[in-house]
């Protein structure tokens, strides 16, 4: 699998955001499952995308040994949040 260019990553990011996804953060692969399970338990759909910026596209990555290893986590709600908390007078929201 070849690395995506910065422009391809930005275009994909914009497309996902337009579809209602929110970029959360980028994480090492060994932590992905933990965060996927956490977000799913909280009622979110989760999408994991490769983090594929190379030193050629971003000079700040030149010395980074993690190029191509990281994963970016996106989430979106599966259903709108509901608020059924009881207020002190006994009424529900």
C-alpha atoms as a PDB file:
ATOM      1  CA  UNK A   1       0.000   0.000   0.000  1.00  0.00           C
ATOM      2  CA  UNK A   2       1.523   3.321  -1.010  1.00  0.00           C
ATOM      3  CA  UNK A   3       1.407   6.354   1.231  1.00  0.00           C
ATOM      4  CA  UNK A   4      -1.192   8.974   0.496  1.00  0.00           C
ATOM      5  CA  UNK A   5      -0.070  12.486  -0.312  1.00  0.00           C
ATOM      6  CA  UNK A   6      -0.899  15.330   2.048  1.00  0.00           C
ATOM      7  CA  UNK A   7      -3.446  16.600  -0.499  1.00  0.00           C
ATOM      8  CA  UNK A   8      -5.145  13.180  -0.637  1.00  0.00           C
ATOM      9  CA  UNK A   9      -5.293  12.981   3.154  1.00  0.00           C
ATOM     10  CA  UNK A  10      -6.773  16.490   3.409  1.00  0.00           C
ATOM     11  CA  UNK A  11      -9.351  15.714   0.691  1.00  0.00           C
ATOM     12  CA  UNK A  12     -10.353  12.482   2.438  1.00  0.00           C
ATOM     13  CA  UNK A  13     -10.558  14.285   5.778  1.00  0.00           C
ATOM     14  CA  UNK A  14     -12.818  16.972   4.283  1.00  0.00           C
ATOM     15  CA  UNK A  15     -15.047  14.324   2.694  1.00  0.00           C
ATOM     16  CA  UNK A  16     -15.422  12.447   5.978  1.00  0.00           C
ATOM     17  CA  UNK A  17     -16.246  15.642   7.868  1.00  0.00           C
ATOM     18  CA  UNK A  18     -18.863  16.496   5.208  1.00  0.00           C
ATOM     19  CA  UNK A  19     -20.420  13.064   5.915  1.00  0.00           C
ATOM     20  CA  UNK A  20     -20.756  13.912   9.610  1.00  0.00           C
ATOM     21  CA  UNK A  21     -17.549  12.339  10.917  1.00  0.00           C
ATOM     22  CA  UNK A  22     -15.391  14.121  13.498  1.00  0.00           C
ATOM     23  CA  UNK A  23     -11.625  13.615  13.535  1.00  0.00           C
ATOM     24  CA  UNK A  24     -10.704  12.781  17.120  1.00  0.00           C
ATOM     25  CA  UNK A  25      -6.957  12.115  17.204  1.00  0.00           C
ATOM     26  CA  UNK A  26      -4.103  10.042  15.807  1.00  0.00           C
ATOM     27  CA  UNK A  27      -2.817   7.100  17.837  1.00  0.00           C
ATOM     28  CA  UNK A  28      -0.410   4.172  17.693  1.00  0.00           C
ATOM     29  CA  UNK A  29      -1.980   0.967  16.317  1.00  0.00           C
ATOM     30  CA  UNK A  30      -1.727  -0.920  19.618  1.00  0.00           C
ATOM     31  CA  UNK A  31      -4.192   1.552  21.205  1.00  0.00           C
ATOM     32  CA  UNK A  32      -6.760   1.608  18.365  1.00  0.00           C
ATOM     33  CA  UNK A  33      -8.929  -1.246  19.670  1.00  0.00           C
ATOM     34  CA  UNK A  34      -9.167   0.375  23.104  1.00  0.00           C
ATOM     35  CA  UNK A  35     -10.448   3.662  21.698  1.00  0.00           C
ATOM     36  CA  UNK A  36     -12.765   2.000  19.173  1.00  0.00           C
ATOM     37  CA  UNK A  37     -14.417   0.019  21.976  1.00  0.00           C
ATOM     38  CA  UNK A  38     -14.655   3.115  24.179  1.00  0.00           C
ATOM     39  CA  UNK A  39     -16.353   5.220  21.497  1.00  0.00           C
ATOM     40  CA  UNK A  40     -18.669   2.384  20.442  1.00  0.00           C
ATOM     41  CA  UNK A  41     -19.753   1.884  24.061  1.00  0.00           C
ATOM     42  CA  UNK A  42     -20.575   5.600  24.181  1.00  0.00           C
ATOM     43  CA  UNK A  43     -22.883   5.255  21.145  1.00  0.00           C
ATOM     44  CA  UNK A  44     -20.564   6.328  18.333  1.00  0.00           C
ATOM     45  CA  UNK A  45     -19.742   4.839  14.977  1.00  0.00           C
ATOM     46  CA  UNK A  46     -15.981   4.618  14.631  1.00  0.00           C
ATOM     47  CA  UNK A  47     -13.815   4.788  11.544  1.00  0.00           C
ATOM     48  CA  UNK A  48     -10.056   4.254  11.587  1.00  0.00           C
ATOM     49  CA  UNK A  49      -7.913   5.642   8.792  1.00  0.00           C
ATOM     50  CA  UNK A  50      -4.186   5.298   8.111  1.00  0.00           C
ATOM     51  CA  UNK A  51      -1.943   8.189   8.961  1.00  0.00           C
ATOM     52  CA  UNK A  52       0.291   8.193   5.932  1.00  0.00           C
ATOM     53  CA  UNK A  53       2.153  11.477   5.693  1.00  0.00           C
ATOM     54  CA  UNK A  54       5.745  10.912   4.626  1.00  0.00           C
ATOM     55  CA  UNK A  55       8.869  13.013   5.060  1.00  0.00           C
ATOM     56  CA  UNK A  56       8.573  14.063   1.413  1.00  0.00           C
ATOM     57  CA  UNK A  57       5.187  15.688   2.106  1.00  0.00           C
ATOM     58  CA  UNK A  58       5.966  17.074   5.564  1.00  0.00           C
ATOM     59  CA  UNK A  59       9.581  17.907   6.403  1.00  0.00           C
ATOM     60  CA  UNK A  60       8.792  17.793  10.135  1.00  0.00           C
ATOM     61  CA  UNK A  61       8.304  14.026   9.716  1.00  0.00           C
ATOM     62  CA  UNK A  62      11.817  13.521   8.400  1.00  0.00           C
ATOM     63  CA  UNK A  63      13.188  11.963  11.599  1.00  0.00           C
ATOM     64  CA  UNK A  64       9.953  10.287  12.668  1.00  0.00           C
ATOM     65  CA  UNK A  65      10.150   6.512  12.971  1.00  0.00           C
ATOM     66  CA  UNK A  66       6.338   6.340  13.164  1.00  0.00           C
ATOM     67  CA  UNK A  67       5.634   7.369   9.566  1.00  0.00           C
ATOM     68  CA  UNK A  68       2.926   5.116   8.181  1.00  0.00           C
ATOM     69  CA  UNK A  69       2.239   3.401  11.502  1.00  0.00           C
ATOM     70  CA  UNK A  70      -0.178   5.804  13.164  1.00  0.00           C
ATOM     71  CA  UNK A  71      -3.977   5.593  12.771  1.00  0.00           C
ATOM     72  CA  UNK A  72      -6.491   8.436  12.879  1.00  0.00           C
ATOM     73  CA  UNK A  73      -9.798   7.838  14.658  1.00  0.00           C
ATOM     74  CA  UNK A  74     -13.015   9.443  13.382  1.00  0.00           C
ATOM     75  CA  UNK A  75     -16.377   9.209  15.127  1.00  0.00           C
ATOM     76  CA  UNK A  76     -19.997  10.103  14.542  1.00  0.00           C
ATOM     77  CA  UNK A  77     -23.115   9.488  16.578  1.00  0.00           C
ATOM     78  CA  UNK A  78     -25.188   6.481  15.591  1.00  0.00           C
ATOM     79  CA  UNK A  79     -28.275   8.175  17.032  1.00  0.00           C
ATOM     80  CA  UNK A  80     -28.865  11.646  18.418  1.00  0.00           C
ATOM     81  CA  UNK A  81     -28.149  11.894  22.149  1.00  0.00           C
ATOM     82  CA  UNK A  82     -31.184  11.678  24.413  1.00  0.00           C
ATOM     83  CA  UNK A  83     -31.600  13.484  27.674  1.00  0.00           C
ATOM     84  CA  UNK A  84     -33.933  11.698  30.052  1.00  0.00           C
ATOM     85  CA  UNK A  85     -32.466  12.910  33.282  1.00  0.00           C
ATOM     86  CA  UNK A  86     -34.936  13.600  36.019  1.00  0.00           C
ATOM     87  CA  UNK A  87     -34.908  17.133  37.355  1.00  0.00           C
ATOM     88  CA  UNK A  88     -35.542  17.891  41.047  1.00  0.00           C
ATOM     89  CA  UNK A  89     -39.252  18.740  40.563  1.00  0.00           C
ATOM     90  CA  UNK A  90     -39.929  15.310  39.045  1.00  0.00           C
ATOM     91  CA  UNK A  91     -40.272  16.441  35.438  1.00  0.00           C
ATOM     92  CA  UNK A  92     -38.274  14.880  32.639  1.00  0.00           C
ATOM     93  CA  UNK A  93     -36.454  16.825  29.930  1.00  0.00           C
END
